[in-house]
Every structure is written in C-alpha cells, then in structure tokens.
Amino acid sequence: MSPTVRSAAMKPAIRTVATPSETLVAICGKCGKKVGGGFGDGGKRPLAKALKKALNLPKWKRSPIRIVETGCMKLCPKGAVAVTTSGDARLVYVIPAGISVNDVAAHLGLVKALPAPGGSD
C-alpha cells in the first residue's frame, strides 16, 4: 500500500482554527457578476472589493471583519446584490447597485466592528 492512500480507519479529525475575525459578511458572487460592479469609485468595483477598500481592512488573516463572496443565495434581485452577515444570518440584505459603500457598511453594522484608530486607551 502506498503512503498516500488512507484506509477507512485513518480519517482526518475535525479541527478548529482561531481567527481574529468577529464578523463575517457573505456576498452573493453571482449577483455581483450580474450587476457587473456598481460600487465604489466610479461604480466599477464589486461590492466585496469596494467594502474592503472603504473599511481599510488589513489582510484577511488579521482582519476583524471577513468579507467573502459566496455562491448563489437563491434570492437573485434585479440590479442588486444579496448580502448576509454573521450578526443575523436570518436576514438577507438586498443592496442596490450604485449605493454608497459607506452607507452599506453603516447599515450592515460594520463600522462599529472596526477597532478604534490609534490603538487602545
């Protein structure tokens, strides 16, 4: 038996990995492609990239907010993007293209999730 083949008794265990993220924002990638950007400077960026830039987030391994594009959420709004957050996964927000990214961040409660500039008091 070769060393790369595993038997049924050698299944890998489920493990956890701690991250500094406190909030997860899931953005429908299919909606984003249908809208064709629509956010940020000049309305040319996808919502995920525009939010990351507007919030000035560090690399994802150190970010308190993790923004990810998902597969289809099966909502499919016209001219908008479906978004949900870990704050209340029961809600799916329909974000119309062209709305201010700062307004989106405030409505999703992302502004208060960021650490205060200048460190701790």
PDB file of N, CA and C in Angstrom:
ATOM      1  N   MET A   1       0.849  -1.174   0.000  1.00  0.00           N
ATOM      2  CA  MET A   1       0.000   0.000   0.000  1.00  0.00           C
ATOM      3  C   MET A   1       0.899   1.243   0.000  1.00  0.00           C
ATOM      4  N   SER A   2       0.587   2.213  -0.865  1.00  0.00           N
ATOM      5  CA  SER A   2       1.401   3.426  -0.954  1.00  0.00           C
ATOM      6  C   SER A   2       1.095   4.353   0.223  1.00  0.00           C
ATOM      7  N   PRO A   3       2.029   5.220   0.600  1.00  0.00           N
ATOM      8  CA  PRO A   3       1.830   6.089   1.755  1.00  0.00           C
ATOM      9  C   PRO A   3       0.750   7.155   1.557  1.00  0.00           C
ATOM     10  N   THR A   4       0.320   7.457   0.318  1.00  0.00           N
ATOM     11  CA  THR A   4      -0.696   8.486   0.093  1.00  0.00           C
ATOM     12  C   THR A   4      -2.109   7.946   0.215  1.00  0.00           C
ATOM     13  N   VAL A   5      -2.279   6.631   0.241  1.00  0.00           N
ATOM     14  CA  VAL A   5      -3.609   6.033   0.349  1.00  0.00           C
ATOM     15  C   VAL A   5      -3.960   5.884   1.817  1.00  0.00           C
ATOM     16  N   ARG A   6      -5.172   6.298   2.195  1.00  0.00           N
ATOM     17  CA  ARG A   6      -5.621   6.189   3.580  1.00  0.00           C
ATOM     18  C   ARG A   6      -6.673   5.108   3.690  1.00  0.00           C
ATOM     19  N   SER A   7      -6.625   4.391   4.756  1.00  0.00           N
ATOM     20  CA  SER A   7      -7.663   3.398   4.999  1.00  0.00           C
ATOM     21  C   SER A   7      -8.829   4.078   5.693  1.00  0.00           C
ATOM     22  N   ALA A   8      -9.949   3.378   5.813  1.00  0.00           N
ATOM     23  CA  ALA A   8     -11.137   3.946   6.441  1.00  0.00           C
ATOM     24  C   ALA A   8     -10.892   4.291   7.899  1.00  0.00           C
ATOM     25  N   ALA A   9      -9.991   3.598   8.556  1.00  0.00           N
ATOM     26  CA  ALA A   9      -9.711   3.849   9.969  1.00  0.00           C
ATOM     27  C   ALA A   9      -8.856   5.099  10.177  1.00  0.00           C
ATOM     28  N   MET A  10      -8.268   5.656   9.134  1.00  0.00           N
ATOM     29  CA  MET A  10      -7.368   6.800   9.273  1.00  0.00           C
ATOM     30  C   MET A  10      -7.995   8.114   8.794  1.00  0.00           C
ATOM     31  N   LYS A  11      -9.291   8.278   8.981  1.00  0.00           N
ATOM     32  CA  LYS A  11      -9.944   9.513   8.558  1.00  0.00           C
ATOM     33  C   LYS A  11      -9.411  10.693   9.370  1.00  0.00           C
ATOM     34  N   PRO A  12      -9.229  11.858   8.710  1.00  0.00           N
ATOM     35  CA  PRO A  12      -8.747  13.025   9.453  1.00  0.00           C
ATOM     36  C   PRO A  12      -9.815  13.520  10.429  1.00  0.00           C
ATOM     37  N   ALA A  13      -9.378  14.037  11.541  1.00  0.00           N
ATOM     38  CA  ALA A  13     -10.290  14.552  12.560  1.00  0.00           C
ATOM     39  C   ALA A  13     -10.732  15.968  12.204  1.00  0.00           C
ATOM     40  N   ILE A  14     -11.902  16.348  12.670  1.00  0.00           N
ATOM     41  CA  ILE A  14     -12.379  17.723  12.508  1.00  0.00           C
ATOM     42  C   ILE A  14     -11.604  18.582  13.488  1.00  0.00           C
ATOM     43  N   ARG A  15     -11.152  19.727  13.013  1.00  0.00           N
ATOM     44  CA  ARG A  15     -10.394  20.624  13.877  1.00  0.00           C
ATOM     45  C   ARG A  15     -10.894  22.043  13.725  1.00  0.00           C
ATOM     46  N   THR A  16     -10.528  22.891  14.637  1.00  0.00           N
ATOM     47  CA  THR A  16     -10.904  24.296  14.581  1.00  0.00           C
ATOM     48  C   THR A  16      -9.645  25.147  14.467  1.00  0.00           C
ATOM     49  N   VAL A  17      -9.808  26.315  13.886  1.00  0.00           N
ATOM     50  CA  VAL A  17      -8.714  27.270  13.749  1.00  0.00           C
ATOM     51  C   VAL A  17      -9.240  28.628  14.227  1.00  0.00           C
ATOM     52  N   ALA A  18      -8.587  29.209  15.184  1.00  0.00           N
ATOM     53  CA  ALA A  18      -8.996  30.510  15.707  1.00  0.00           C
ATOM     54  C   ALA A  18      -8.572  31.616  14.749  1.00  0.00           C
ATOM     55  N   THR A  19      -9.433  32.619  14.578  1.00  0.00           N
ATOM     56  CA  THR A  19      -9.116  33.787  13.763  1.00  0.00           C
ATOM     57  C   THR A  19      -9.483  35.037  14.555  1.00  0.00           C
ATOM     58  N   PRO A  20      -8.940  36.177  14.200  1.00  0.00           N
ATOM     59  CA  PRO A  20      -9.311  37.409  14.889  1.00  0.00           C
ATOM     60  C   PRO A  20     -10.640  37.986  14.395  1.00  0.00           C
ATOM     61  N   SER A  21     -11.254  37.352  13.407  1.00  0.00           N
ATOM     62  CA  SER A  21     -12.491  37.881  12.830  1.00  0.00           C
ATOM     63  C   SER A  21     -13.652  37.751  13.808  1.00  0.00           C
ATOM     64  N   GLU A  22     -14.411  38.840  13.927  1.00  0.00           N
ATOM     65  CA  GLU A  22     -15.592  38.857  14.774  1.00  0.00           C
ATOM     66  C   GLU A  22     -16.865  38.887  13.944  1.00  0.00           C
ATOM     67  N   THR A  23     -16.737  39.300  12.698  1.00  0.00           N
ATOM     68  CA  THR A  23     -17.889  39.453  11.818  1.00  0.00           C
ATOM     69  C   THR A  23     -17.587  38.829  10.466  1.00  0.00           C
ATOM     70  N   LEU A  24     -18.565  38.131   9.931  1.00  0.00           N
ATOM     71  CA  LEU A  24     -18.456  37.551   8.596  1.00  0.00           C
ATOM     72  C   LEU A  24     -19.529  38.175   7.714  1.00  0.00           C
ATOM     73  N   VAL A  25     -19.126  38.648   6.552  1.00  0.00           N
ATOM     74  CA  VAL A  25     -20.052  39.211   5.575  1.00  0.00           C
ATOM     75  C   VAL A  25     -19.985  38.320   4.342  1.00  0.00           C
ATOM     76  N   ALA A  26     -21.117  37.710   3.982  1.00  0.00           N
ATOM     77  CA  ALA A  26     -21.195  36.844   2.811  1.00  0.00           C
ATOM     78  C   ALA A  26     -21.954  37.579   1.714  1.00  0.00           C
ATOM     79  N   ILE A  27     -21.293  37.754   0.570  1.00  0.00           N
ATOM     80  CA  ILE A  27     -21.860  38.492  -0.557  1.00  0.00           C
ATOM     81  C   ILE A  27     -22.045  37.519  -1.713  1.00  0.00           C
ATOM     82  N   CYS A  28     -23.222  37.516  -2.310  1.00  0.00           N
ATOM     83  CA  CYS A  28     -23.505  36.604  -3.421  1.00  0.00           C
ATOM     84  C   CYS A  28     -22.640  36.977  -4.628  1.00  0.00           C
ATOM     85  N   GLY A  29     -21.770  36.071  -5.009  1.00  0.00           N
ATOM     86  CA  GLY A  29     -20.892  36.310  -6.151  1.00  0.00           C
ATOM     87  C   GLY A  29     -21.640  36.343  -7.470  1.00  0.00           C
ATOM     88  N   LYS A  30     -22.707  35.553  -7.576  1.00  0.00           N
ATOM     89  CA  LYS A  30     -23.490  35.523  -8.815  1.00  0.00           C
ATOM     90  C   LYS A  30     -24.210  36.862  -9.034  1.00  0.00           C
ATOM     91  N   CYS A  31     -24.770  37.416  -7.961  1.00  0.00           N
ATOM     92  CA  CYS A  31     -25.416  38.735  -8.065  1.00  0.00           C
ATOM     93  C   CYS A  31     -24.394  39.787  -8.474  1.00  0.00           C
ATOM     94  N   GLY A  32     -23.204  39.709  -7.868  1.00  0.00           N
ATOM     95  CA  GLY A  32     -22.155  40.667  -8.184  1.00  0.00           C
ATOM     96  C   GLY A  32     -21.755  40.626  -9.645  1.00  0.00           C
ATOM     97  N   LYS A  33     -21.704  39.423 -10.215  1.00  0.00           N
ATOM     98  CA  LYS A  33     -21.360  39.292 -11.634  1.00  0.00           C
ATOM     99  C   LYS A  33     -22.471  39.839 -12.520  1.00  0.00           C
ATOM    100  N   LYS A  34     -23.734  39.605 -12.129  1.00  0.00           N
ATOM    101  CA  LYS A  34     -24.862  40.111 -12.919  1.00  0.00           C
ATOM    102  C   LYS A  34     -24.901  41.636 -12.907  1.00  0.00           C
ATOM    103  N   VAL A  35     -24.598  42.232 -11.756  1.00  0.00           N
ATOM    104  CA  VAL A  35     -24.596  43.691 -11.637  1.00  0.00           C
ATOM    105  C   VAL A  35     -23.392  44.272 -12.374  1.00  0.00           C
ATOM    106  N   GLY A  36     -22.298  43.528 -12.412  1.00  0.00           N
ATOM    107  CA  GLY A  36     -21.102  43.979 -13.132  1.00  0.00           C
ATOM    108  C   GLY A  36     -20.359  45.082 -12.422  1.00  0.00           C
ATOM    109  N   GLY A  37     -20.202  44.965 -11.124  1.00  0.00           N
ATOM    110  CA  GLY A  37     -19.549  46.013 -10.337  1.00  0.00           C
ATOM    111  C   GLY A  37     -20.612  46.851  -9.680  1.00  0.00           C
ATOM    112  N   GLY A  38     -20.606  48.143  -9.972  1.00  0.00           N
ATOM    113  CA  GLY A  38     -21.672  49.007  -9.483  1.00  0.00           C
ATOM    114  C   GLY A  38     -21.399  49.702  -8.159  1.00  0.00           C
ATOM    115  N   PHE A  39     -20.208  49.495  -7.574  1.00  0.00           N
ATOM    116  CA  PHE A  39     -19.927  50.073  -6.259  1.00  0.00           C
ATOM    117  C   PHE A  39     -18.564  50.747  -6.266  1.00  0.00           C
ATOM    118  N   GLY A  40     -18.324  51.570  -5.262  1.00  0.00           N
ATOM    119  CA  GLY A  40     -17.022  52.213  -5.111  1.00  0.00           C
ATOM    120  C   GLY A  40     -16.829  53.366  -6.069  1.00  0.00           C
ATOM    121  N   ASP A  41     -15.566  53.757  -6.224  1.00  0.00           N
ATOM    122  CA  ASP A  41     -15.210  54.885  -7.079  1.00  0.00           C
ATOM    123  C   ASP A  41     -15.628  54.626  -8.521  1.00  0.00           C
ATOM    124  N   GLY A  42     -16.509  55.446  -9.030  1.00  0.00           N
ATOM    125  CA  GLY A  42     -16.959  55.323 -10.406  1.00  0.00           C
ATOM    126  C   GLY A  42     -17.902  54.161 -10.655  1.00  0.00           C
ATOM    127  N   GLY A  43     -18.280  53.450  -9.620  1.00  0.00           N
ATOM    128  CA  GLY A  43     -19.218  52.342  -9.775  1.00  0.00           C
ATOM    129  C   GLY A  43     -18.674  51.175 -10.563  1.00  0.00           C
ATOM    130  N   LYS A  44     -17.368  50.951 -10.491  1.00  0.00           N
ATOM    131  CA  LYS A  44     -16.756  49.898 -11.299  1.00  0.00           C
ATOM    132  C   LYS A  44     -16.340  48.673 -10.482  1.00  0.00           C
ATOM    133  N   ARG A  45     -16.352  48.754  -9.157  1.00  0.00           N
ATOM    134  CA  ARG A  45     -15.862  47.653  -8.324  1.00  0.00           C
ATOM    135  C   ARG A  45     -16.997  46.739  -7.860  1.00  0.00           C
ATOM    136  N   PRO A  46     -16.675  45.457  -7.667  1.00  0.00           N
ATOM    137  CA  PRO A  46     -17.633  44.569  -6.992  1.00  0.00           C
ATOM    138  C   PRO A  46     -17.801  45.016  -5.534  1.00  0.00           C
ATOM    139  N   LEU A  47     -18.923  44.698  -4.922  1.00  0.00           N
ATOM    140  CA  LEU A  47     -19.211  45.150  -3.565  1.00  0.00           C
ATOM    141  C   LEU A  47     -18.156  44.677  -2.570  1.00  0.00           C
ATOM    142  N   ALA A  48     -17.697  43.447  -2.670  1.00  0.00           N
ATOM    143  CA  ALA A  48     -16.710  42.923  -1.714  1.00  0.00           C
ATOM    144  C   ALA A  48     -15.427  43.752  -1.744  1.00  0.00           C
ATOM    145  N   LYS A  49     -14.913  44.022  -2.919  1.00  0.00           N
ATOM    146  CA  LYS A  49     -13.677  44.799  -3.033  1.00  0.00           C
ATOM    147  C   LYS A  49     -13.891  46.235  -2.590  1.00  0.00           C
ATOM    148  N   ALA A  50     -15.033  46.812  -2.914  1.00  0.00           N
ATOM    149  CA  ALA A  50     -15.325  48.189  -2.524  1.00  0.00           C
ATOM    150  C   ALA A  50     -15.436  48.311  -1.001  1.00  0.00           C
ATOM    151  N   LEU A  51     -16.072  47.332  -0.346  1.00  0.00           N
ATOM    152  CA  LEU A  51     -16.185  47.357   1.112  1.00  0.00           C
ATOM    153  C   LEU A  51     -14.818  47.222   1.777  1.00  0.00           C
ATOM    154  N   LYS A  52     -14.015  46.294   1.276  1.00  0.00           N
ATOM    155  CA  LYS A  52     -12.677  46.105   1.849  1.00  0.00           C
ATOM    156  C   LYS A  52     -11.853  47.383   1.750  1.00  0.00           C
ATOM    157  N   LYS A  53     -11.963  48.057   0.614  1.00  0.00           N
ATOM    158  CA  LYS A  53     -11.198  49.293   0.428  1.00  0.00           C
ATOM    159  C   LYS A  53     -11.753  50.418   1.293  1.00  0.00           C
ATOM    160  N   ALA A  54     -13.066  50.562   1.342  1.00  0.00           N
ATOM    161  CA  ALA A  54     -13.679  51.644   2.118  1.00  0.00           C
ATOM    162  C   ALA A  54     -13.415  51.484   3.615  1.00  0.00           C
ATOM    163  N   LEU A  55     -13.401  50.241   4.091  1.00  0.00           N
ATOM    164  CA  LEU A  55     -13.173  49.988   5.510  1.00  0.00           C
ATOM    165  C   LEU A  55     -11.688  49.913   5.855  1.00  0.00           C
ATOM    166  N   ASN A  56     -10.839  49.959   4.826  1.00  0.00           N
ATOM    167  CA  ASN A  56      -9.389  49.888   5.004  1.00  0.00           C
ATOM    168  C   ASN A  56      -8.997  48.679   5.852  1.00  0.00           C
ATOM    169  N   LEU A  57      -9.492  47.515   5.463  1.00  0.00           N
ATOM    170  CA  LEU A  57      -9.251  46.292   6.223  1.00  0.00           C
ATOM    171  C   LEU A  57      -7.847  45.754   5.990  1.00  0.00           C
ATOM    172  N   PRO A  58      -7.234  45.180   7.036  1.00  0.00           N
ATOM    173  CA  PRO A  58      -5.941  44.515   6.845  1.00  0.00           C
ATOM    174  C   PRO A  58      -6.139  43.204   6.089  1.00  0.00           C
ATOM    175  N   LYS A  59      -5.066  42.486   5.843  1.00  0.00           N
ATOM    176  CA  LYS A  59      -5.161  41.179   5.183  1.00  0.00           C
ATOM    177  C   LYS A  59      -6.145  40.304   5.956  1.00  0.00           C
ATOM    178  N   TRP A  60      -6.784  39.367   5.269  1.00  0.00           N
ATOM    179  CA  TRP A  60      -7.871  38.598   5.870  1.00  0.00           C
ATOM    180  C   TRP A  60      -7.451  37.815   7.104  1.00  0.00           C
ATOM    181  N   LYS A  61      -6.200  37.432   7.227  1.00  0.00           N
ATOM    182  CA  LYS A  61      -5.764  36.676   8.406  1.00  0.00           C
ATOM    183  C   LYS A  61      -5.767  37.525   9.672  1.00  0.00           C
ATOM    184  N   ARG A  62      -5.729  38.850   9.530  1.00  0.00           N
ATOM    185  CA  ARG A  62      -5.685  39.735  10.689  1.00  0.00           C
ATOM    186  C   ARG A  62      -6.917  40.631  10.810  1.00  0.00           C
ATOM    187  N   SER A  63      -7.851  40.484   9.923  1.00  0.00           N
ATOM    188  CA  SER A  63      -8.988  41.389   9.857  1.00  0.00           C
ATOM    189  C   SER A  63     -10.090  41.030  10.859  1.00  0.00           C
ATOM    190  N   PRO A  64     -10.664  42.036  11.541  1.00  0.00           N
ATOM    191  CA  PRO A  64     -11.789  41.768  12.433  1.00  0.00           C
ATOM    192  C   PRO A  64     -13.088  41.513  11.665  1.00  0.00           C
ATOM    193  N   ILE A  65     -13.080  41.859  10.375  1.00  0.00           N
ATOM    194  CA  ILE A  65     -14.240  41.630   9.508  1.00  0.00           C
ATOM    195  C   ILE A  65     -13.778  40.794   8.329  1.00  0.00           C
ATOM    196  N   ARG A  66     -14.406  39.665   8.121  1.00  0.00           N
ATOM    197  CA  ARG A  66     -14.061  38.815   6.989  1.00  0.00           C
ATOM    198  C   ARG A  66     -15.170  38.958   5.950  1.00  0.00           C
ATOM    199  N   ILE A  67     -14.810  39.413   4.768  1.00  0.00           N
ATOM    200  CA  ILE A  67     -15.756  39.609   3.669  1.00  0.00           C
ATOM    201  C   ILE A  67     -15.452  38.564   2.608  1.00  0.00           C
ATOM    202  N   VAL A  68     -16.457  37.744   2.283  1.00  0.00           N
ATOM    203  CA  VAL A  68     -16.269  36.675   1.308  1.00  0.00           C
ATOM    204  C   VAL A  68     -17.389  36.701   0.278  1.00  0.00           C
ATOM    205  N   GLU A  69     -17.050  36.290  -0.946  1.00  0.00           N
ATOM    206  CA  GLU A  69     -18.067  36.103  -1.977  1.00  0.00           C
ATOM    207  C   GLU A  69     -18.451  34.639  -1.970  1.00  0.00           C
ATOM    208  N   THR A  70     -19.748  34.377  -1.982  1.00  0.00           N
ATOM    209  CA  THR A  70     -20.261  33.017  -1.924  1.00  0.00           C
ATOM    210  C   THR A  70     -20.846  32.626  -3.273  1.00  0.00           C
ATOM    211  N   GLY A  71     -21.387  31.444  -3.317  1.00  0.00           N
ATOM    212  CA  GLY A  71     -22.173  31.020  -4.472  1.00  0.00           C
ATOM    213  C   GLY A  71     -23.545  31.678  -4.395  1.00  0.00           C
ATOM    214  N   CYS A  72     -24.419  31.251  -5.248  1.00  0.00           N
ATOM    215  CA  CYS A  72     -25.749  31.843  -5.333  1.00  0.00           C
ATOM    216  C   CYS A  72     -26.535  31.649  -4.038  1.00  0.00           C
ATOM    217  N   MET A  73     -27.197  32.714  -3.574  1.00  0.00           N
ATOM    218  CA  MET A  73     -28.040  32.653  -2.374  1.00  0.00           C
ATOM    219  C   MET A  73     -29.501  32.381  -2.718  1.00  0.00           C
ATOM    220  N   LYS A  74     -29.791  32.205  -3.991  1.00  0.00           N
ATOM    221  CA  LYS A  74     -31.141  31.884  -4.482  1.00  0.00           C
ATOM    222  C   LYS A  74     -32.163  32.994  -4.254  1.00  0.00           C
ATOM    223  N   LEU A  75     -31.698  34.238  -4.121  1.00  0.00           N
ATOM    224  CA  LEU A  75     -32.602  35.371  -3.992  1.00  0.00           C
ATOM    225  C   LEU A  75     -32.710  36.103  -5.327  1.00  0.00           C
ATOM    226  N   CYS A  76     -31.607  36.304  -5.990  1.00  0.00           N
ATOM    227  CA  CYS A  76     -31.499  36.869  -7.336  1.00  0.00           C
ATOM    228  C   CYS A  76     -32.284  38.169  -7.547  1.00  0.00           C
ATOM    229  N   PRO A  77     -31.955  39.237  -6.796  1.00  0.00           N
ATOM    230  CA  PRO A  77     -32.625  40.521  -7.026  1.00  0.00           C
ATOM    231  C   PRO A  77     -32.107  41.167  -8.301  1.00  0.00           C
ATOM    232  N   LYS A  78     -32.964  41.920  -8.976  1.00  0.00           N
ATOM    233  CA  LYS A  78     -32.549  42.601 -10.205  1.00  0.00           C
ATOM    234  C   LYS A  78     -31.848  43.911  -9.847  1.00  0.00           C
ATOM    235  N   GLY A  79     -30.656  44.110 -10.420  1.00  0.00           N
ATOM    236  CA  GLY A  79     -29.908  45.342 -10.213  1.00  0.00           C
ATOM    237  C   GLY A  79     -29.391  45.516  -8.795  1.00  0.00           C
ATOM    238  N   ALA A  80     -29.257  44.411  -8.061  1.00  0.00           N
ATOM    239  CA  ALA A  80     -28.810  44.488  -6.676  1.00  0.00           C
ATOM    240  C   ALA A  80     -28.002  43.248  -6.314  1.00  0.00           C
ATOM    241  N   VAL A  81     -27.420  43.274  -5.119  1.00  0.00           N
ATOM    242  CA  VAL A  81     -26.589  42.176  -4.634  1.00  0.00           C
ATOM    243  C   VAL A  81     -27.153  41.689  -3.302  1.00  0.00           C
ATOM    244  N   ALA A  82     -27.247  40.373  -3.126  1.00  0.00           N
ATOM    245  CA  ALA A  82     -27.713  39.788  -1.876  1.00  0.00           C
ATOM    246  C   ALA A  82     -26.534  39.640  -0.918  1.00  0.00           C
ATOM    247  N   VAL A  83     -26.746  40.067   0.343  1.00  0.00           N
ATOM    248  CA  VAL A  83     -25.688  40.056   1.357  1.00  0.00           C
ATOM    249  C   VAL A  83     -26.280  39.574   2.676  1.00  0.00           C
ATOM    250  N   THR A  84     -25.523  38.776   3.408  1.00  0.00           N
ATOM    251  CA  THR A  84     -25.907  38.402   4.764  1.00  0.00           C
ATOM    252  C   THR A  84     -24.685  38.524   5.663  1.00  0.00           C
ATOM    253  N   THR A  85     -24.921  38.669   6.961  1.00  0.00           N
ATOM    254  CA  THR A  85     -23.827  38.813   7.918  1.00  0.00           C
ATOM    255  C   THR A  85     -23.987  37.814   9.050  1.00  0.00           C
ATOM    256  N   SER A  86     -22.909  37.607   9.784  1.00  0.00           N
ATOM    257  CA  SER A  86     -22.960  36.712  10.930  1.00  0.00           C
ATOM    258  C   SER A  86     -23.725  37.343  12.090  1.00  0.00           C
ATOM    259  N   GLY A  87     -23.960  38.647  12.026  1.00  0.00           N
ATOM    260  CA  GLY A  87     -24.724  39.324  13.073  1.00  0.00           C
ATOM    261  C   GLY A  87     -26.142  38.809  13.161  1.00  0.00           C
ATOM    262  N   ASP A  88     -26.777  38.559  12.027  1.00  0.00           N
ATOM    263  CA  ASP A  88     -28.113  37.973  11.986  1.00  0.00           C
ATOM    264  C   ASP A  88     -28.253  37.246  10.653  1.00  0.00           C
ATOM    265  N   ALA A  89     -27.909  35.989  10.642  1.00  0.00           N
ATOM    266  CA  ALA A  89     -27.919  35.202   9.412  1.00  0.00           C
ATOM    267  C   ALA A  89     -29.333  34.949   8.896  1.00  0.00           C
ATOM    268  N   ARG A  90     -30.359  35.309   9.681  1.00  0.00           N
ATOM    269  CA  ARG A  90     -31.735  35.131   9.219  1.00  0.00           C
ATOM    270  C   ARG A  90     -32.128  36.195   8.209  1.00  0.00           C
ATOM    271  N   LEU A  91     -31.367  37.288   8.153  1.00  0.00           N
ATOM    272  CA  LEU A  91     -31.673  38.388   7.238  1.00  0.00           C
ATOM    273  C   LEU A  91     -30.756  38.347   6.027  1.00  0.00           C
ATOM    274  N   VAL A  92     -31.326  38.591   4.860  1.00  0.00           N
ATOM    275  CA  VAL A  92     -30.544  38.773   3.643  1.00  0.00           C
ATOM    276  C   VAL A  92     -30.838  40.186   3.166  1.00  0.00           C
ATOM    277  N   TYR A  93     -29.801  40.986   3.078  1.00  0.00           N
ATOM    278  CA  TYR A  93     -29.939  42.370   2.642  1.00  0.00           C
ATOM    279  C   TYR A  93     -29.848  42.425   1.123  1.00  0.00           C
ATOM    280  N   VAL A  94     -30.693  43.234   0.506  1.00  0.00           N
ATOM    281  CA  VAL A  94     -30.666  43.454  -0.933  1.00  0.00           C
ATOM    282  C   VAL A  94     -30.074  44.843  -1.142  1.00  0.00           C
ATOM    283  N   ILE A  95     -28.830  44.876  -1.605  1.00  0.00           N
ATOM    284  CA  ILE A  95     -28.081  46.126  -1.753  1.00  0.00           C
ATOM    285  C   ILE A  95     -28.117  46.549  -3.219  1.00  0.00           C
ATOM    286  N   PRO A  96     -28.831  47.641  -3.541  1.00  0.00           N
ATOM    287  CA  PRO A  96     -28.896  48.080  -4.941  1.00  0.00           C
ATOM    288  C   PRO A  96     -27.557  48.619  -5.425  1.00  0.00           C
ATOM    289  N   ALA A  97     -27.259  48.373  -6.676  1.00  0.00           N
ATOM    290  CA  ALA A  97     -26.025  48.890  -7.285  1.00  0.00           C
ATOM    291  C   ALA A  97     -26.063  50.414  -7.260  1.00  0.00           C
ATOM    292  N   GLY A  98     -24.897  51.007  -7.038  1.00  0.00           N
ATOM    293  CA  GLY A  98     -24.789  52.459  -7.053  1.00  0.00           C
ATOM    294  C   GLY A  98     -24.928  53.110  -5.698  1.00  0.00           C
ATOM    295  N   ILE A  99     -25.359  52.382  -4.679  1.00  0.00           N
ATOM    296  CA  ILE A  99     -25.490  52.969  -3.346  1.00  0.00           C
ATOM    297  C   ILE A  99     -24.094  53.186  -2.756  1.00  0.00           C
ATOM    298  N   SER A 100     -23.967  54.169  -1.901  1.00  0.00           N
ATOM    299  CA  SER A 100     -22.681  54.494  -1.284  1.00  0.00           C
ATOM    300  C   SER A 100     -22.182  53.318  -0.445  1.00  0.00           C
ATOM    301  N   VAL A 101     -20.914  52.979  -0.604  1.00  0.00           N
ATOM    302  CA  VAL A 101     -20.319  51.875   0.154  1.00  0.00           C
ATOM    303  C   VAL A 101     -20.300  52.204   1.642  1.00  0.00           C
ATOM    304  N   ASN A 102     -20.122  53.466   1.997  1.00  0.00           N
ATOM    305  CA  ASN A 102     -20.161  53.866   3.402  1.00  0.00           C
ATOM    306  C   ASN A 102     -21.547  53.644   3.996  1.00  0.00           C
ATOM    307  N   ASP A 103     -22.595  53.894   3.217  1.00  0.00           N
ATOM    308  CA  ASP A 103     -23.959  53.626   3.671  1.00  0.00           C
ATOM    309  C   ASP A 103     -24.183  52.130   3.872  1.00  0.00           C
ATOM    310  N   VAL A 104     -23.636  51.324   2.976  1.00  0.00           N
ATOM    311  CA  VAL A 104     -23.754  49.865   3.101  1.00  0.00           C
ATOM    312  C   VAL A 104     -23.071  49.395   4.381  1.00  0.00           C
ATOM    313  N   ALA A 105     -21.850  49.874   4.622  1.00  0.00           N
ATOM    314  CA  ALA A 105     -21.097  49.485   5.813  1.00  0.00           C
ATOM    315  C   ALA A 105     -21.841  49.884   7.088  1.00  0.00           C
ATOM    316  N   ALA A 106     -22.407  51.075   7.108  1.00  0.00           N
ATOM    317  CA  ALA A 106     -23.150  51.537   8.280  1.00  0.00           C
ATOM    318  C   ALA A 106     -24.416  50.704   8.484  1.00  0.00           C
ATOM    319  N   HIS A 107     -25.135  50.420   7.405  1.00  0.00           N
ATOM    320  CA  HIS A 107     -26.377  49.647   7.506  1.00  0.00           C
ATOM    321  C   HIS A 107     -26.115  48.218   7.974  1.00  0.00           C
ATOM    322  N   LEU A 108     -25.005  47.638   7.554  1.00  0.00           N
ATOM    323  CA  LEU A 108     -24.668  46.272   7.960  1.00  0.00           C
ATOM    324  C   LEU A 108     -24.025  46.227   9.344  1.00  0.00           C
ATOM    325  N   GLY A 109     -23.740  47.383   9.934  1.00  0.00           N
ATOM    326  CA  GLY A 109     -23.146  47.437  11.258  1.00  0.00           C
ATOM    327  C   GLY A 109     -21.660  47.144  11.264  1.00  0.00           C
ATOM    328  N   LEU A 110     -20.991  47.381  10.148  1.00  0.00           N
ATOM    329  CA  LEU A 110     -19.569  47.068  10.044  1.00  0.00           C
ATOM    330  C   LEU A 110     -18.675  48.151  10.604  1.00  0.00           C
ATOM    331  N   VAL A 111     -19.154  49.362  10.677  1.00  0.00           N
ATOM    332  CA  VAL A 111     -18.338  50.468  11.146  1.00  0.00           C
ATOM    333  C   VAL A 111     -18.011  50.286  12.624  1.00  0.00           C
ATOM    334  N   LYS A 112     -18.973  49.851  13.441  1.00  0.00           N
ATOM    335  CA  LYS A 112     -18.715  49.675  14.865  1.00  0.00           C
ATOM    336  C   LYS A 112     -17.857  48.447  15.145  1.00  0.00           C
ATOM    337  N   ALA A 113     -17.744  47.514  14.196  1.00  0.00           N
ATOM    338  CA  ALA A 113     -16.943  46.303  14.388  1.00  0.00           C
ATOM    339  C   ALA A 113     -15.452  46.576  14.221  1.00  0.00           C
ATOM    340  N   LEU A 114     -15.099  47.701  13.612  1.00  0.00           N
ATOM    341  CA  LEU A 114     -13.695  48.035  13.406  1.00  0.00           C
ATOM    342  C   LEU A 114     -13.070  48.540  14.697  1.00  0.00           C
ATOM    343  N   PRO A 115     -11.797  48.225  14.939  1.00  0.00           N
ATOM    344  CA  PRO A 115     -11.134  48.757  16.117  1.00  0.00           C
ATOM    345  C   PRO A 115     -10.930  50.269  15.986  1.00  0.00           C
ATOM    346  N   ALA A 116     -10.889  50.954  17.118  1.00  0.00           N
ATOM    347  CA  ALA A 116     -10.683  52.398  17.108  1.00  0.00           C
ATOM    348  C   ALA A 116      -9.283  52.713  16.604  1.00  0.00           C
ATOM    349  N   PRO A 117      -9.124  53.746  15.762  1.00  0.00           N
ATOM    350  CA  PRO A 117      -7.794  54.094  15.265  1.00  0.00           C
ATOM    351  C   PRO A 117      -6.914  54.579  16.411  1.00  0.00           C
ATOM    352  N   GLY A 118      -5.626  54.256  16.322  1.00  0.00           N
ATOM    353  CA  GLY A 118      -4.683  54.695  17.331  1.00  0.00           C
ATOM    354  C   GLY A 118      -4.486  53.731  18.475  1.00  0.00           C
ATOM    355  N   GLY A 119      -5.089  52.544  18.411  1.00  0.00           N
ATOM    356  CA  GLY A 119      -4.867  51.529  19.440  1.00  0.00           C
ATOM    357  C   GLY A 119      -5.813  51.673  20.608  1.00  0.00           C
ATOM    358  N   SER A 120      -5.478  51.014  21.728  1.00  0.00           N
ATOM    359  CA  SER A 120      -6.339  51.001  22.900  1.00  0.00           C
ATOM    360  C   SER A 120      -6.033  52.186  23.807  1.00  0.00           C
ATOM    361  N   ASP A 121      -7.004  52.525  24.671  1.00  0.00           N
ATOM    362  CA  ASP A 121      -6.841  53.648  25.606  1.00  0.00           C
ATOM    363  C   ASP A 121      -6.113  53.226  26.847  1.00  0.00           C
TER     364      ASP A 121
END
